[in-house]
């Protein structure tokens, strides 16, 4: 017989904290409830769910505001990456997201290489606009100058 539970933590393949999920009675009694990963849905847990959702929304709004401020700061950021070049201005190797992140770190700009949206490594000289994903809703762009060493 199915049972409704309020998830207290993120449970893989079931939901995230604060979600109400319908699970098998045995799964709830033998795993979720003893491990304190869920609680039965009662009026008290519904109130707690409301508080959890309000708190989560406040945190999300604060993170969104911080990401927008960071995106404004990144508008004027650029970095120059010197590379070795062979005949016909052909690069030895390529410029990857890790190279860009390292060059930015030398300028005291902390950007994770995974947040740089680089489809493929840069293999030519020039100026490139690279998008930075701060949050799914917030993106910024930085200029990367790839020049001959």
N, C-alpha and C. Protein backbone atom coordinates (compact mmCIF):
# COMPACT_ATOMS: atom_id res chain seq x y z
N UNK A 1 0.84 -1.17 0.00
CA UNK A 1 0.00 0.00 0.00
C UNK A 1 0.90 1.25 0.00
N UNK A 2 0.69 2.17 -0.91
CA UNK A 2 1.56 3.35 -1.00
C UNK A 2 1.38 4.28 0.20
N UNK A 3 2.48 4.99 0.50
CA UNK A 3 2.49 5.89 1.64
C UNK A 3 3.12 7.22 1.21
N UNK A 4 2.56 8.33 1.66
CA UNK A 4 3.13 9.63 1.35
C UNK A 4 4.11 10.01 2.45
N UNK A 5 5.32 10.44 2.03
CA UNK A 5 6.33 10.87 2.99
C UNK A 5 6.90 12.21 2.56
N UNK A 6 7.38 12.95 3.54
CA UNK A 6 8.06 14.22 3.30
C UNK A 6 9.55 13.95 3.37
N UNK A 7 10.27 14.25 2.28
CA UNK A 7 11.71 13.97 2.25
C UNK A 7 12.46 15.02 3.07
N UNK A 8 13.28 14.56 3.99
CA UNK A 8 14.07 15.45 4.84
C UNK A 8 15.46 15.71 4.26
N UNK A 9 15.90 14.86 3.36
CA UNK A 9 17.18 15.04 2.66
C UNK A 9 16.96 14.67 1.20
N UNK A 10 17.95 14.95 0.37
CA UNK A 10 17.88 14.53 -1.02
C UNK A 10 18.03 13.01 -1.08
N UNK A 11 17.12 12.36 -1.79
CA UNK A 11 17.16 10.91 -1.95
C UNK A 11 17.27 10.64 -3.45
N UNK A 12 18.37 10.01 -3.89
CA UNK A 12 18.52 9.74 -5.32
C UNK A 12 17.34 8.97 -5.90
N UNK A 13 16.93 9.33 -7.08
CA UNK A 13 15.84 8.69 -7.82
C UNK A 13 14.48 8.83 -7.15
N UNK A 14 14.38 9.70 -6.13
CA UNK A 14 13.09 9.88 -5.47
C UNK A 14 12.70 11.35 -5.39
N UNK A 15 13.63 12.20 -4.99
CA UNK A 15 13.33 13.63 -4.91
C UNK A 15 14.34 14.35 -4.05
N UNK A 16 14.10 15.65 -3.91
CA UNK A 16 15.01 16.46 -3.11
C UNK A 16 14.35 16.84 -1.79
N UNK A 17 15.13 17.43 -0.92
CA UNK A 17 14.66 17.81 0.40
C UNK A 17 13.43 18.70 0.30
N UNK A 18 12.40 18.34 1.06
CA UNK A 18 11.17 19.13 1.08
C UNK A 18 10.10 18.62 0.14
N UNK A 19 10.42 17.68 -0.72
CA UNK A 19 9.43 17.13 -1.64
C UNK A 19 8.54 16.12 -0.92
N UNK A 20 7.31 16.01 -1.38
CA UNK A 20 6.41 14.96 -0.90
C UNK A 20 6.42 13.86 -1.95
N UNK A 21 6.72 12.64 -1.51
CA UNK A 21 6.82 11.51 -2.44
C UNK A 21 5.90 10.38 -1.98
N UNK A 22 5.37 9.66 -2.93
CA UNK A 22 4.57 8.49 -2.64
C UNK A 22 5.44 7.26 -2.88
N UNK A 23 5.65 6.47 -1.83
CA UNK A 23 6.54 5.30 -1.91
C UNK A 23 5.82 4.09 -1.34
N UNK A 24 6.40 2.93 -1.57
CA UNK A 24 5.85 1.70 -1.02
C UNK A 24 5.96 1.74 0.51
N UNK A 25 4.99 1.18 1.16
CA UNK A 25 4.92 1.19 2.62
C UNK A 25 6.18 0.59 3.25
N UNK A 26 6.65 -0.53 2.73
CA UNK A 26 7.84 -1.19 3.27
C UNK A 26 9.09 -0.35 3.09
N UNK A 27 9.23 0.32 1.95
CA UNK A 27 10.38 1.18 1.69
C UNK A 27 10.41 2.32 2.70
N UNK A 28 9.25 2.88 2.98
CA UNK A 28 9.17 3.97 3.95
C UNK A 28 9.50 3.46 5.36
N UNK A 29 8.84 2.38 5.78
CA UNK A 29 9.01 1.88 7.15
C UNK A 29 10.41 1.32 7.41
N UNK A 30 10.98 0.64 6.41
CA UNK A 30 12.24 -0.07 6.63
C UNK A 30 13.48 0.74 6.27
N UNK A 31 13.34 1.77 5.44
CA UNK A 31 14.53 2.50 5.01
C UNK A 31 14.43 4.00 5.30
N UNK A 32 13.43 4.66 4.71
CA UNK A 32 13.37 6.11 4.78
C UNK A 32 13.15 6.64 6.20
N UNK A 33 12.19 6.08 6.92
CA UNK A 33 11.87 6.59 8.25
C UNK A 33 12.98 6.28 9.28
N UNK A 34 13.51 5.06 9.36
CA UNK A 34 14.57 4.80 10.34
C UNK A 34 15.85 5.60 10.07
N UNK A 35 16.14 5.86 8.81
CA UNK A 35 17.36 6.60 8.46
C UNK A 35 17.14 8.12 8.58
N UNK A 36 15.94 8.54 8.95
CA UNK A 36 15.58 9.96 9.07
C UNK A 36 15.71 10.70 7.74
N UNK A 37 15.51 9.98 6.66
CA UNK A 37 15.53 10.59 5.33
C UNK A 37 14.16 11.12 4.95
N UNK A 38 13.14 10.68 5.68
CA UNK A 38 11.77 11.12 5.41
C UNK A 38 10.96 11.07 6.70
N UNK A 39 9.81 11.75 6.64
CA UNK A 39 8.88 11.74 7.76
C UNK A 39 7.47 11.55 7.19
N UNK A 40 6.58 10.93 7.96
CA UNK A 40 5.21 10.78 7.47
C UNK A 40 4.56 12.15 7.28
N UNK A 41 3.71 12.26 6.31
CA UNK A 41 3.05 13.54 6.03
C UNK A 41 1.91 13.72 7.02
N UNK A 42 2.08 14.68 7.92
CA UNK A 42 1.05 15.08 8.89
C UNK A 42 0.92 16.59 8.81
N UNK A 43 0.02 17.15 9.59
CA UNK A 43 -0.14 18.61 9.58
C UNK A 43 1.14 19.29 10.05
N UNK A 44 1.81 18.72 11.05
CA UNK A 44 3.06 19.30 11.56
C UNK A 44 4.16 19.25 10.48
N UNK A 45 4.26 18.13 9.79
CA UNK A 45 5.29 18.04 8.74
C UNK A 45 4.95 18.93 7.55
N UNK A 46 3.67 19.15 7.30
CA UNK A 46 3.29 20.08 6.22
C UNK A 46 3.72 21.52 6.59
N UNK A 47 3.57 21.88 7.87
CA UNK A 47 4.03 23.21 8.29
C UNK A 47 5.55 23.29 8.15
N UNK A 48 6.24 22.24 8.55
CA UNK A 48 7.69 22.20 8.43
C UNK A 48 8.10 22.26 6.96
N UNK A 49 7.32 21.60 6.10
CA UNK A 49 7.57 21.65 4.66
C UNK A 49 7.44 23.08 4.15
N UNK A 50 6.43 23.80 4.61
CA UNK A 50 6.25 25.19 4.21
C UNK A 50 7.45 26.05 4.62
N UNK A 51 7.95 25.84 5.83
CA UNK A 51 9.12 26.57 6.30
C UNK A 51 10.35 26.21 5.48
N UNK A 52 10.51 24.92 5.18
CA UNK A 52 11.66 24.48 4.40
C UNK A 52 11.63 25.08 3.00
N UNK A 53 10.46 25.11 2.39
CA UNK A 53 10.35 25.68 1.04
C UNK A 53 10.62 27.17 1.06
N UNK A 54 10.12 27.88 2.07
CA UNK A 54 10.37 29.33 2.18
C UNK A 54 11.87 29.59 2.37
N UNK A 55 12.51 28.79 3.21
CA UNK A 55 13.94 28.95 3.44
C UNK A 55 14.73 28.65 2.17
N UNK A 56 14.36 27.58 1.48
CA UNK A 56 15.03 27.22 0.23
C UNK A 56 14.86 28.32 -0.82
N UNK A 57 13.68 28.93 -0.88
CA UNK A 57 13.44 30.01 -1.85
C UNK A 57 14.28 31.24 -1.50
N UNK A 58 14.39 31.55 -0.20
CA UNK A 58 15.24 32.67 0.22
C UNK A 58 16.69 32.43 -0.18
N UNK A 59 17.17 31.20 0.05
CA UNK A 59 18.55 30.86 -0.30
C UNK A 59 18.76 30.95 -1.81
N UNK A 60 17.76 30.50 -2.58
CA UNK A 60 17.88 30.55 -4.03
C UNK A 60 17.92 32.00 -4.52
N UNK A 61 17.08 32.85 -3.93
CA UNK A 61 17.07 34.26 -4.31
C UNK A 61 18.40 34.93 -3.97
N UNK A 62 18.96 34.60 -2.80
CA UNK A 62 20.26 35.18 -2.41
C UNK A 62 21.36 34.72 -3.36
N UNK A 63 21.35 33.44 -3.73
CA UNK A 63 22.34 32.92 -4.67
C UNK A 63 22.18 33.57 -6.04
N UNK A 64 20.95 33.78 -6.46
CA UNK A 64 20.68 34.42 -7.75
C UNK A 64 21.18 35.86 -7.75
N UNK A 65 20.94 36.57 -6.67
CA UNK A 65 21.40 37.95 -6.55
C UNK A 65 22.93 38.01 -6.58
N UNK A 66 23.58 37.10 -5.85
CA UNK A 66 25.05 37.07 -5.81
C UNK A 66 25.61 36.72 -7.20
N UNK A 67 24.96 35.81 -7.91
CA UNK A 67 25.42 35.43 -9.25
C UNK A 67 25.26 36.59 -10.22
N UNK A 68 24.20 37.35 -10.10
CA UNK A 68 24.01 38.52 -10.98
C UNK A 68 25.07 39.58 -10.71
N UNK A 69 25.40 39.80 -9.44
CA UNK A 69 26.45 40.75 -9.12
C UNK A 69 27.80 40.29 -9.66
N UNK A 70 28.06 39.00 -9.54
CA UNK A 70 29.31 38.45 -10.06
C UNK A 70 29.36 38.57 -11.58
N UNK A 71 28.23 38.36 -12.25
CA UNK A 71 28.17 38.49 -13.70
C UNK A 71 28.48 39.92 -14.13
N UNK A 72 27.99 40.91 -13.36
CA UNK A 72 28.30 42.31 -13.67
C UNK A 72 29.80 42.57 -13.54
N UNK A 73 30.44 41.98 -12.53
CA UNK A 73 31.88 42.16 -12.35
C UNK A 73 32.67 41.49 -13.47
N UNK A 74 32.16 40.38 -14.00
CA UNK A 74 32.89 39.64 -15.04
C UNK A 74 32.76 40.27 -16.43
N UNK A 75 31.90 41.26 -16.59
CA UNK A 75 31.72 41.89 -17.90
C UNK A 75 33.02 42.45 -18.45
N UNK A 76 33.83 43.03 -17.59
CA UNK A 76 35.05 43.70 -18.03
C UNK A 76 36.30 42.84 -17.88
N UNK A 77 36.14 41.55 -17.61
CA UNK A 77 37.28 40.68 -17.40
C UNK A 77 37.76 40.12 -18.73
N UNK A 78 39.06 40.15 -18.91
CA UNK A 78 39.67 39.50 -20.08
C UNK A 78 41.00 38.91 -19.66
N UNK A 79 41.48 37.96 -20.44
CA UNK A 79 42.78 37.39 -20.14
C UNK A 79 43.51 37.13 -21.46
N UNK A 80 44.83 37.15 -21.37
CA UNK A 80 45.66 36.90 -22.54
C UNK A 80 46.41 35.61 -22.30
N UNK A 81 46.35 34.72 -23.26
CA UNK A 81 47.03 33.43 -23.14
C UNK A 81 48.06 33.33 -24.27
N UNK A 82 49.35 33.40 -23.93
CA UNK A 82 50.38 33.24 -24.96
C UNK A 82 50.59 31.76 -25.27
N UNK A 83 50.67 31.44 -26.56
CA UNK A 83 50.85 30.05 -26.98
C UNK A 83 51.96 29.97 -28.03
N UNK A 84 52.56 28.81 -28.13
CA UNK A 84 53.57 28.59 -29.17
C UNK A 84 52.86 28.34 -30.49
N UNK A 85 53.42 28.92 -31.53
CA UNK A 85 52.78 28.85 -32.85
C UNK A 85 53.80 28.32 -33.86
N UNK A 86 53.31 27.47 -34.74
CA UNK A 86 54.16 26.94 -35.81
C UNK A 86 53.90 27.68 -37.11
N UNK A 87 54.20 27.01 -38.21
CA UNK A 87 54.00 27.61 -39.53
C UNK A 87 52.52 27.86 -39.79
N UNK A 88 52.23 28.96 -40.46
CA UNK A 88 50.85 29.27 -40.80
C UNK A 88 49.99 29.60 -39.59
N UNK A 89 50.64 30.10 -38.54
CA UNK A 89 49.94 30.46 -37.29
C UNK A 89 49.14 29.30 -36.72
N UNK A 90 49.69 28.10 -36.85
CA UNK A 90 49.03 26.92 -36.30
C UNK A 90 49.55 26.67 -34.89
N UNK A 91 48.64 26.51 -33.94
CA UNK A 91 49.01 26.33 -32.55
C UNK A 91 49.59 24.95 -32.30
N UNK A 92 50.59 24.90 -31.42
CA UNK A 92 51.05 23.62 -30.90
C UNK A 92 50.12 23.29 -29.74
N UNK A 93 49.27 22.34 -29.89
CA UNK A 93 48.29 22.02 -28.86
C UNK A 93 47.06 22.89 -29.00
N UNK A 94 46.40 23.16 -27.89
CA UNK A 94 45.19 23.97 -27.92
C UNK A 94 45.01 24.65 -26.55
N UNK A 95 44.08 25.58 -26.50
CA UNK A 95 43.75 26.29 -25.27
C UNK A 95 42.45 25.70 -24.74
N UNK A 96 42.50 25.14 -23.54
CA UNK A 96 41.33 24.49 -22.95
C UNK A 96 40.73 25.36 -21.85
N UNK A 97 39.62 24.90 -21.31
CA UNK A 97 38.96 25.61 -20.21
C UNK A 97 39.87 25.68 -19.00
N UNK A 98 40.67 24.65 -18.77
CA UNK A 98 41.60 24.66 -17.63
C UNK A 98 42.66 25.74 -17.83
N UNK A 99 43.15 25.92 -19.06
CA UNK A 99 44.13 26.97 -19.34
C UNK A 99 43.54 28.35 -19.07
N UNK A 100 42.30 28.54 -19.49
CA UNK A 100 41.63 29.83 -19.28
C UNK A 100 41.43 30.07 -17.78
N UNK A 101 41.00 29.06 -17.05
CA UNK A 101 40.79 29.19 -15.61
C UNK A 101 42.10 29.52 -14.90
N UNK A 102 43.21 28.89 -15.33
CA UNK A 102 44.52 29.18 -14.74
C UNK A 102 44.95 30.62 -15.02
N UNK A 103 44.73 31.08 -16.26
CA UNK A 103 45.09 32.46 -16.62
C UNK A 103 44.27 33.46 -15.81
N UNK A 104 43.00 33.15 -15.58
CA UNK A 104 42.15 34.03 -14.78
C UNK A 104 42.56 34.00 -13.31
N UNK A 105 42.99 32.85 -12.83
CA UNK A 105 43.42 32.72 -11.43
C UNK A 105 44.65 33.59 -11.17
N UNK A 106 45.52 33.74 -12.17
CA UNK A 106 46.69 34.60 -12.01
C UNK A 106 46.29 36.07 -11.87
N UNK A 107 45.08 36.41 -12.34
CA UNK A 107 44.56 37.77 -12.20
C UNK A 107 43.64 37.89 -10.99
N UNK A 108 43.64 36.88 -10.13
CA UNK A 108 42.79 36.83 -8.93
C UNK A 108 41.31 36.81 -9.27
N UNK A 109 40.96 36.19 -10.38
CA UNK A 109 39.56 35.98 -10.76
C UNK A 109 39.32 34.48 -10.63
N UNK A 110 38.50 34.10 -9.67
CA UNK A 110 38.27 32.69 -9.38
C UNK A 110 37.06 32.18 -10.16
N UNK A 111 37.33 31.43 -11.21
CA UNK A 111 36.27 30.81 -12.01
C UNK A 111 36.61 29.34 -12.16
N UNK A 112 35.64 28.49 -11.89
CA UNK A 112 35.82 27.06 -12.03
C UNK A 112 35.85 26.70 -13.51
N UNK A 113 36.75 25.80 -13.89
CA UNK A 113 36.87 25.43 -15.30
C UNK A 113 35.59 24.78 -15.83
N UNK A 114 34.82 24.17 -14.95
CA UNK A 114 33.58 23.52 -15.40
C UNK A 114 32.48 24.53 -15.72
N UNK A 115 32.61 25.76 -15.20
CA UNK A 115 31.60 26.76 -15.49
C UNK A 115 31.88 27.49 -16.81
N UNK A 116 33.07 27.29 -17.38
CA UNK A 116 33.38 27.89 -18.68
C UNK A 116 32.71 27.07 -19.77
N UNK A 117 31.90 27.71 -20.58
CA UNK A 117 31.15 27.01 -21.62
C UNK A 117 31.94 27.04 -22.93
N UNK A 118 32.88 26.13 -23.01
CA UNK A 118 33.76 26.02 -24.17
C UNK A 118 33.41 24.73 -24.90
N UNK A 119 32.81 24.86 -26.09
CA UNK A 119 32.37 23.68 -26.83
C UNK A 119 33.53 22.77 -27.18
N UNK A 120 34.60 23.37 -27.66
CA UNK A 120 35.79 22.61 -28.00
C UNK A 120 37.00 23.49 -27.73
N UNK A 121 38.18 22.90 -27.55
CA UNK A 121 39.36 23.71 -27.27
C UNK A 121 39.65 24.69 -28.41
N UNK A 122 40.25 25.82 -28.05
CA UNK A 122 40.60 26.84 -29.03
C UNK A 122 41.90 26.42 -29.72
N UNK A 123 41.90 26.42 -31.05
CA UNK A 123 43.05 25.94 -31.81
C UNK A 123 43.60 26.97 -32.78
N UNK A 124 43.26 28.26 -32.54
CA UNK A 124 43.77 29.30 -33.43
C UNK A 124 43.96 30.59 -32.65
N UNK A 125 44.74 31.49 -33.22
CA UNK A 125 44.97 32.79 -32.60
C UNK A 125 43.74 33.66 -32.77
N UNK A 126 43.55 34.61 -31.85
CA UNK A 126 42.43 35.53 -31.99
C UNK A 126 41.82 35.91 -30.66
N UNK A 127 40.69 36.61 -30.75
CA UNK A 127 39.95 37.05 -29.58
C UNK A 127 38.64 36.26 -29.55
N UNK A 128 38.34 35.69 -28.38
CA UNK A 128 37.16 34.84 -28.26
C UNK A 128 36.32 35.30 -27.07
N UNK A 129 35.01 35.31 -27.25
CA UNK A 129 34.08 35.56 -26.16
C UNK A 129 33.67 34.21 -25.60
N UNK A 130 33.99 33.97 -24.34
CA UNK A 130 33.69 32.70 -23.69
C UNK A 130 32.60 32.95 -22.65
N UNK A 131 31.55 32.17 -22.71
CA UNK A 131 30.46 32.31 -21.74
C UNK A 131 30.82 31.55 -20.45
N UNK A 132 30.39 32.15 -19.35
CA UNK A 132 30.60 31.56 -18.02
C UNK A 132 29.23 31.33 -17.41
N UNK A 133 28.91 30.08 -17.09
CA UNK A 133 27.63 29.75 -16.47
C UNK A 133 27.78 29.82 -14.95
N UNK A 134 27.23 30.87 -14.36
CA UNK A 134 27.29 31.02 -12.91
C UNK A 134 26.16 30.25 -12.24
N UNK A 135 24.99 30.32 -12.82
CA UNK A 135 23.81 29.54 -12.42
C UNK A 135 23.09 29.19 -13.72
N UNK A 136 22.15 28.27 -13.70
CA UNK A 136 21.43 27.97 -14.95
C UNK A 136 20.75 29.20 -15.55
N UNK A 137 20.34 30.17 -14.69
CA UNK A 137 19.66 31.36 -15.20
C UNK A 137 20.61 32.53 -15.46
N UNK A 138 21.84 32.45 -14.97
CA UNK A 138 22.76 33.59 -15.05
C UNK A 138 24.03 33.18 -15.79
N UNK A 139 24.33 33.95 -16.85
CA UNK A 139 25.55 33.74 -17.61
C UNK A 139 26.29 35.05 -17.73
N UNK A 140 27.59 34.97 -17.88
CA UNK A 140 28.43 36.13 -18.12
C UNK A 140 29.35 35.79 -19.29
N UNK A 141 30.05 36.78 -19.82
CA UNK A 141 30.98 36.54 -20.91
C UNK A 141 32.31 37.20 -20.58
N UNK A 142 33.39 36.50 -20.89
CA UNK A 142 34.72 37.06 -20.72
C UNK A 142 35.43 37.01 -22.07
N UNK A 143 36.41 37.88 -22.26
CA UNK A 143 37.20 37.90 -23.48
C UNK A 143 38.49 37.15 -23.24
N UNK A 144 38.83 36.29 -24.17
CA UNK A 144 40.08 35.54 -24.10
C UNK A 144 40.88 35.88 -25.37
N UNK A 145 42.09 36.40 -25.13
CA UNK A 145 42.98 36.75 -26.22
C UNK A 145 44.01 35.64 -26.32
N UNK A 146 44.05 34.94 -27.44
CA UNK A 146 45.05 33.91 -27.68
C UNK A 146 46.07 34.54 -28.62
N UNK A 147 47.30 34.74 -28.10
CA UNK A 147 48.34 35.44 -28.86
C UNK A 147 49.58 34.57 -28.99
N UNK A 148 50.43 34.95 -29.95
CA UNK A 148 51.68 34.22 -30.17
C UNK A 148 52.65 34.54 -29.05
N UNK A 149 53.34 33.50 -28.59
CA UNK A 149 54.28 33.64 -27.47
C UNK A 149 55.56 34.29 -27.93
